[in-house]
Amino acid sequence: MAAFGQHYGLRVVERRHLDIDPWLNWERIVQADFPGAKSLSDALRANPRAALQFFVENAIGLLPRAWRQIVPARYIPWGAGGMAMIGIALWLASPRPARYSNPRRTLRENDYDTVLCAAILLLPPTLSIILVFPRDHYILQAMAAQMFVLGALMRAAPWPLTRLHRRLPAWVRLRGGHWGPIAIAVIFLLVARPLPIVAQPTWASMKVVHALPPVARMLESDGGLCTYAAHQCEAAWAWDVPVGAHFSRYLDENGIDAVAVSPGLLRTVAIKESASFNDFVTTASEHGWTRHEIPPPAGDAPIILLIRSPQAVTK
C-alpha cells in the first residue's frame, strides 16, 4: 500500500500543483482521495475512478513530467503490452475443441507447460508496473520475462516461418523450433549497447555501510541503509518520530543506536522543528557517538551516520 500511495501521490502533487513531498505525505494524499483505504482493494471500492485512472496511466506509460527523462517508459505500454502477451500465451496454450483447432497454429502438446510457465513469470512485474508505477526495476524484470514468453511461443509454434524453414538446406534447419530463441538472442546482442563506465555512488555507499560496526536499529528516512549493513539491522523511520518529542530521549526509549543524518531526514517535520535534534547532533561526539561519513546513494550531499557506542549516554 505504501508503494501505491507514494506513486499515486507523485501524480497528484504534479496534477494539483501541491507543495508537499509525496514520499513523506502519501498517507494524507491517499486518505483524501480514498477515505479509510488500507489496501488496494479498499482504494478501488472507495474511489474506483481515481484508482483506475492511475492504473491506466501506468499501463500505457504516461509518466509525470518530473520522471519523463529518468524512467525508460515514457509512452511505452509495458503494462498493457505485458498483459496482452500473457493473454496471447494463455490463448495459444489453452485447449480447444478439435473442430476449431488448426494444426499449423496449435502448440505442440509437450510445449504447453513451457508457454504457461513463461506467462506466469511475466505476470508479477507486469502487475507491479500497472498497480504501482513503471519503475525501471519492474521494467527490466518485465523485459526479461517477455523474452522468455516470446522465445517459448516461437519454439512451441514456429508456424510463421514454416515456408522459409522448409527452404533452408537440411544441415541449416534447426530442430524443434529453436530458431525463435536464437533469433531473439542475436537481435538482443546486435541492438544492446554496453553501459559506459561511470561512478557508482550506491555501490560506494554499500561498501562503507557494510564495513561499519554492528547496528541494531537505525533511524533513517532514505530507506535502504540498513539493508547494506553486514549484521542484522532494523530500520526506524524518521516520520514516526512524534512532533515535539525530545530527540535523545526518543532514541533511548526505542533502542535506536544509529542515526543517518541526510537531506531527507532534515526535511522531516518532526526533525526540522526539533531543537533537541540540533542539540543531539552538536554534542553527539561528546556523549560517545561516533561519526561516519557515507557517500550518498543518490550522488548528492553526503550522509552522516552517527553510531552509539556501548558506553554512550544521551541526555
Protein backbone atom coordinates (compact mmCIF):
# COMPACT_ATOMS: atom_id res chain seq x y z
CA MET A 1 0.00 0.00 0.00
CA ALA A 2 2.90 2.36 0.73
CA ALA A 3 4.34 1.91 -2.78
CA PHE A 4 0.92 2.54 -4.35
CA GLY A 5 0.34 5.58 -2.12
CA GLN A 6 3.70 7.20 -2.80
CA HIS A 7 3.47 6.86 -6.56
CA TYR A 8 -0.18 7.90 -6.60
CA GLY A 9 0.83 10.90 -4.52
CA LEU A 10 3.53 11.71 -7.08
CA ARG A 11 0.90 12.11 -9.79
CA VAL A 12 -1.48 14.03 -7.52
CA VAL A 13 1.18 16.53 -6.40
CA GLU A 14 2.02 17.36 -10.02
CA ARG A 15 -1.59 17.40 -11.25
CA ARG A 16 -2.85 19.64 -8.44
CA HIS A 17 0.35 21.71 -8.07
CA LEU A 18 0.73 20.84 -4.38
CA ASP A 19 3.78 21.98 -2.42
CA ILE A 20 4.31 18.81 -0.37
CA ASP A 21 6.63 15.81 -0.58
CA PRO A 22 4.58 12.81 -1.83
CA TRP A 23 7.12 10.32 -0.47
CA LEU A 24 6.61 11.55 3.09
CA ASN A 25 2.97 12.70 2.89
CA TRP A 26 1.46 9.89 0.83
CA GLU A 27 -0.88 8.81 3.64
CA ARG A 28 -2.55 12.23 3.73
CA ILE A 29 -2.99 12.18 -0.05
CA VAL A 30 -4.39 8.64 -0.09
CA GLN A 31 -6.80 9.32 2.77
CA ALA A 32 -8.05 12.44 0.99
CA ASP A 33 -8.87 10.54 -2.23
CA PHE A 34 -9.55 7.08 -0.76
CA PRO A 35 -11.07 7.63 2.70
CA GLY A 36 -10.35 4.74 5.06
CA ALA A 37 -8.41 2.72 2.47
CA LYS A 38 -5.77 0.36 3.87
CA SER A 39 -5.25 -1.81 0.79
CA LEU A 40 -5.58 -1.63 -3.00
CA SER A 41 -8.97 -3.31 -2.86
CA ASP A 42 -10.13 -0.67 -0.35
CA ALA A 43 -8.89 2.07 -2.70
CA LEU A 44 -10.82 0.56 -5.61
CA ARG A 45 -14.01 0.44 -3.58
CA ALA A 46 -13.56 3.95 -2.14
CA ASN A 47 -12.78 5.74 -5.41
CA PRO A 48 -12.75 3.38 -8.41
CA ARG A 49 -12.44 6.20 -10.95
CA ALA A 50 -9.24 7.63 -9.45
CA ALA A 51 -7.72 4.19 -8.92
CA LEU A 52 -8.50 3.01 -12.46
CA GLN A 53 -7.15 6.24 -13.95
CA PHE A 54 -3.90 5.69 -12.05
CA PHE A 55 -3.67 2.07 -13.28
CA VAL A 56 -4.36 3.04 -16.90
CA GLU A 57 -1.71 5.79 -16.86
CA ASN A 58 0.81 3.28 -15.52
CA ALA A 59 -0.21 0.64 -18.08
CA ILE A 60 0.27 2.92 -21.09
CA GLY A 61 3.49 4.50 -19.77
CA LEU A 62 2.14 8.02 -19.19
CA LEU A 63 4.54 9.46 -16.64
CA PRO A 64 4.61 12.63 -14.50
CA ARG A 65 6.68 15.40 -16.05
CA ALA A 66 9.46 15.11 -13.46
CA TRP A 67 10.03 11.45 -14.32
CA ARG A 68 9.86 11.50 -18.11
CA GLN A 69 13.60 11.90 -18.59
CA ILE A 70 14.77 9.39 -15.95
CA VAL A 71 12.44 6.41 -16.39
CA PRO A 72 12.70 4.31 -19.60
CA ALA A 73 8.94 4.04 -20.02
CA ARG A 74 7.55 7.27 -21.42
CA TYR A 75 4.58 6.35 -23.62
CA ILE A 76 5.82 2.74 -23.83
CA PRO A 77 2.93 0.48 -22.72
CA TRP A 78 4.94 -2.03 -20.71
CA GLY A 79 1.94 -2.86 -18.56
CA ALA A 80 -0.62 -3.12 -21.34
CA GLY A 81 1.84 -4.92 -23.61
CA GLY A 82 2.72 -7.41 -20.90
CA MET A 83 -0.94 -8.22 -20.25
CA ALA A 84 -1.53 -8.61 -23.99
CA MET A 85 1.40 -11.02 -24.28
CA ILE A 86 0.13 -13.02 -21.30
CA GLY A 87 -3.32 -13.20 -22.90
CA ILE A 88 -1.90 -14.40 -26.22
CA ALA A 89 0.21 -17.04 -24.49
CA LEU A 90 -2.75 -18.31 -22.46
CA TRP A 91 -4.96 -18.33 -25.55
CA LEU A 92 -2.47 -20.33 -27.59
CA ALA A 93 -1.79 -22.75 -24.73
CA SER A 94 -5.45 -23.29 -23.85
CA PRO A 95 -7.15 -26.47 -25.11
CA ARG A 96 -9.70 -26.05 -27.93
CA PRO A 97 -12.32 -28.30 -29.45
CA ALA A 98 -10.90 -30.25 -32.39
CA ARG A 99 -13.20 -28.57 -34.90
CA TYR A 100 -11.76 -25.13 -34.05
CA SER A 101 -8.09 -26.07 -33.93
CA ASN A 102 -5.68 -25.52 -36.78
CA PRO A 103 -2.72 -27.94 -36.74
CA ARG A 104 -0.45 -25.23 -38.14
CA ARG A 105 -1.45 -22.81 -35.39
CA THR A 106 -1.60 -25.16 -32.41
CA LEU A 107 1.18 -25.58 -29.88
CA ARG A 108 2.96 -28.85 -29.66
CA GLU A 109 1.48 -30.87 -26.82
CA ASN A 110 4.73 -31.06 -24.85
CA ASP A 111 5.23 -27.27 -25.02
CA TYR A 112 2.07 -26.20 -23.19
CA ASP A 113 3.81 -26.15 -19.81
CA THR A 114 6.74 -24.11 -21.14
CA VAL A 115 4.48 -21.38 -22.51
CA LEU A 116 2.31 -21.29 -19.39
CA CYS A 117 5.34 -21.06 -17.06
CA ALA A 118 6.78 -18.23 -19.15
CA ALA A 119 3.45 -16.36 -18.98
CA ILE A 120 3.30 -16.84 -15.19
CA LEU A 121 6.86 -15.47 -14.95
CA LEU A 122 5.73 -12.30 -16.75
CA LEU A 123 2.71 -11.70 -14.51
CA PRO A 124 4.35 -10.28 -11.30
CA PRO A 125 6.44 -7.49 -12.93
CA THR A 126 3.54 -6.58 -15.23
CA LEU A 127 1.15 -6.23 -12.28
CA SER A 128 3.76 -4.18 -10.41
CA ILE A 129 4.03 -1.79 -13.36
CA ILE A 130 0.25 -1.35 -13.54
CA LEU A 131 -0.62 -1.26 -9.83
CA VAL A 132 2.40 0.69 -8.56
CA PHE A 133 4.41 2.50 -11.25
CA PRO A 134 6.55 1.72 -14.32
CA ARG A 135 9.80 1.87 -12.36
CA ASP A 136 12.95 0.77 -14.13
CA HIS A 137 13.47 -2.27 -11.87
CA TYR A 138 9.99 -3.53 -12.77
CA ILE A 139 10.57 -2.82 -16.47
CA LEU A 140 13.82 -4.79 -16.55
CA GLN A 141 12.10 -7.80 -14.99
CA ALA A 142 9.22 -7.47 -17.45
CA MET A 143 11.57 -7.25 -20.43
CA ALA A 144 13.40 -10.41 -19.38
CA ALA A 145 10.12 -12.25 -18.82
CA GLN A 146 8.73 -11.04 -22.17
CA MET A 147 11.77 -12.51 -23.91
CA PHE A 148 11.08 -15.83 -22.20
CA VAL A 149 7.45 -15.74 -23.29
CA LEU A 150 8.32 -14.79 -26.88
CA GLY A 151 11.02 -17.45 -27.05
CA ALA A 152 8.68 -20.10 -25.67
CA LEU A 153 5.96 -19.16 -28.17
CA MET A 154 8.35 -19.18 -31.11
CA ARG A 155 9.80 -22.51 -30.08
CA ALA A 156 6.39 -24.05 -29.47
CA ALA A 157 4.64 -22.65 -32.56
CA PRO A 158 7.14 -21.92 -35.35
CA TRP A 159 4.42 -21.71 -37.99
CA PRO A 160 5.07 -18.06 -39.05
CA LEU A 161 8.32 -19.04 -40.77
CA THR A 162 7.42 -22.59 -41.77
CA ARG A 163 7.86 -21.95 -45.51
CA LEU A 164 11.20 -20.22 -45.01
CA HIS A 165 12.31 -23.00 -42.71
CA ARG A 166 11.49 -25.64 -45.33
CA ARG A 167 13.54 -23.87 -48.00
CA LEU A 168 16.70 -23.92 -45.91
CA PRO A 169 19.29 -26.67 -46.51
CA ALA A 170 18.83 -29.66 -44.27
CA TRP A 171 22.09 -29.02 -42.40
CA VAL A 172 20.97 -25.46 -41.57
CA ARG A 173 17.48 -26.28 -40.29
CA LEU A 174 17.02 -26.05 -36.57
CA ARG A 175 15.15 -28.85 -34.93
CA GLY A 176 12.23 -28.25 -32.57
CA GLY A 177 11.72 -24.59 -33.46
CA HIS A 178 14.84 -23.38 -31.67
CA TRP A 179 15.32 -20.66 -34.31
CA GLY A 180 12.99 -18.37 -32.33
CA PRO A 181 15.01 -18.07 -29.11
CA ILE A 182 18.25 -17.92 -31.11
CA ALA A 183 16.89 -15.08 -33.27
CA ILE A 184 15.88 -13.13 -30.15
CA ALA A 185 19.35 -13.61 -28.66
CA VAL A 186 21.05 -12.43 -31.86
CA ILE A 187 18.82 -9.35 -32.14
CA PHE A 188 19.43 -8.51 -28.49
CA LEU A 189 23.21 -8.73 -28.97
CA LEU A 190 23.03 -6.52 -32.06
CA VAL A 191 20.93 -3.72 -30.54
CA ALA A 192 22.22 -3.78 -26.96
CA ARG A 193 24.97 -1.33 -26.12
CA PRO A 194 27.20 -1.72 -23.06
CA LEU A 195 26.79 1.00 -20.46
CA PRO A 196 29.68 3.44 -20.05
CA ILE A 197 31.96 3.15 -17.04
CA VAL A 198 30.73 5.79 -14.60
CA ALA A 199 30.86 6.44 -10.88
CA GLN A 200 28.72 4.10 -8.79
CA PRO A 201 27.67 6.11 -5.69
CA THR A 202 25.26 3.45 -4.45
CA TRP A 203 27.96 0.78 -4.57
CA ALA A 204 30.31 3.09 -2.67
CA SER A 205 27.62 3.62 0.00
CA MET A 206 27.07 -0.12 0.31
CA LYS A 207 30.76 -0.82 0.88
CA VAL A 208 31.09 1.83 3.57
CA VAL A 209 27.95 0.77 5.49
CA HIS A 210 28.90 -2.90 5.19
CA ALA A 211 32.22 -2.22 6.96
CA LEU A 212 30.72 -0.26 9.88
CA PRO A 213 30.30 -1.64 13.43
CA PRO A 214 27.11 -3.66 14.10
CA VAL A 215 23.93 -1.59 14.39
CA ALA A 216 20.73 -2.99 15.89
CA ARG A 217 18.31 -0.20 14.99
CA MET A 218 18.90 2.77 12.70
CA LEU A 219 16.80 5.92 12.39
CA GLU A 220 16.69 6.97 8.73
CA SER A 221 14.42 8.39 6.07
CA ASP A 222 16.07 7.23 2.85
CA GLY A 223 15.10 3.56 3.03
CA GLY A 224 17.88 1.08 2.40
CA LEU A 225 20.92 1.86 4.56
CA CYS A 226 20.04 -0.93 6.99
CA THR A 227 19.92 -3.34 4.06
CA TYR A 228 23.59 -2.66 3.34
CA ALA A 229 24.72 -3.47 6.90
CA ALA A 230 26.77 -6.62 7.40
CA HIS A 231 24.79 -7.55 10.53
CA GLN A 232 21.07 -7.70 11.26
CA CYS A 233 19.72 -4.15 11.30
CA GLU A 234 16.19 -2.84 11.80
CA ALA A 235 15.12 0.45 10.25
CA ALA A 236 13.26 3.07 12.31
CA TRP A 237 11.60 5.75 10.21
CA ALA A 238 12.01 9.46 10.85
CA TRP A 239 8.35 10.24 10.09
CA ASP A 240 7.36 8.06 13.08
CA VAL A 241 9.09 10.46 15.47
CA PRO A 242 6.32 12.45 17.23
CA VAL A 243 6.42 16.19 16.68
CA GLY A 244 7.74 17.85 19.82
CA ALA A 245 9.37 14.70 21.22
CA HIS A 246 12.74 15.06 22.92
CA PHE A 247 15.07 13.52 20.36
CA SER A 248 17.69 11.90 22.61
CA ARG A 249 15.02 10.52 24.91
CA TYR A 250 13.17 9.10 21.90
CA LEU A 251 16.33 7.29 20.81
CA ASP A 252 16.77 5.76 24.27
CA GLU A 253 13.15 4.69 24.61
CA ASN A 254 13.11 3.00 21.20
CA GLY A 255 16.50 1.30 21.35
CA ILE A 256 17.93 3.26 18.42
CA ASP A 257 21.72 3.10 18.25
CA ALA A 258 22.35 4.79 14.89
CA VAL A 259 21.04 7.93 13.17
CA ALA A 260 21.52 8.58 9.45
CA VAL A 261 21.59 12.37 9.08
CA SER A 262 20.69 13.02 5.44
CA PRO A 263 18.86 15.73 3.48
CA GLY A 264 15.75 13.55 3.60
CA LEU A 265 15.91 13.28 7.39
CA LEU A 266 16.32 17.03 7.77
CA ARG A 267 13.17 17.61 5.68
CA THR A 268 11.04 15.52 8.05
CA VAL A 269 8.66 17.73 10.02
CA ALA A 270 9.47 16.28 13.47
CA ILE A 271 13.21 16.69 12.85
CA LYS A 272 13.07 20.08 11.14
CA GLU A 273 11.15 21.61 14.05
CA SER A 274 13.12 19.88 16.83
CA ALA A 275 15.60 21.94 18.84
CA SER A 276 16.62 18.81 20.75
CA PHE A 277 17.73 17.21 17.47
CA ASN A 278 20.13 20.06 16.80
CA ASP A 279 21.49 19.73 20.35
CA PHE A 280 21.94 15.98 19.83
CA VAL A 281 23.89 16.39 16.57
CA THR A 282 26.07 19.13 18.03
CA THR A 283 27.04 17.19 21.17
CA ALA A 284 26.83 13.59 19.90
CA SER A 285 30.60 13.02 19.84
CA GLU A 286 30.86 14.27 23.44
CA HIS A 287 28.48 11.53 24.57
CA GLY A 288 30.11 8.58 22.86
CA TRP A 289 28.50 8.65 19.42
CA THR A 290 30.93 8.09 16.56
CA ARG A 291 30.63 9.93 13.27
CA HIS A 292 30.92 8.16 9.89
CA GLU A 293 30.59 9.87 6.53
CA ILE A 294 28.80 7.79 3.86
CA PRO A 295 28.85 8.58 0.15
CA PRO A 296 25.22 9.33 -0.74
CA PRO A 297 23.42 6.67 -2.84
CA ALA A 298 21.87 9.45 -4.95
CA GLY A 299 25.19 11.16 -5.51
CA ASP A 300 24.33 14.50 -3.81
CA ALA A 301 25.04 15.59 -0.20
CA PRO A 302 26.90 13.05 1.96
CA ILE A 303 25.08 11.16 4.69
CA ILE A 304 26.46 11.43 8.23
CA LEU A 305 25.86 8.24 10.20
CA LEU A 306 26.07 8.62 13.98
CA ILE A 307 26.56 5.30 15.80
CA ARG A 308 26.16 4.91 19.54
CA SER A 309 29.00 3.16 21.33
CA PRO A 310 28.04 0.67 24.10
CA GLN A 311 29.16 3.20 26.72
CA ALA A 312 27.35 6.17 25.18
CA VAL A 313 24.97 8.15 27.36
CA THR A 314 22.48 10.56 25.82
CA LYS A 315 20.77 13.43 27.57
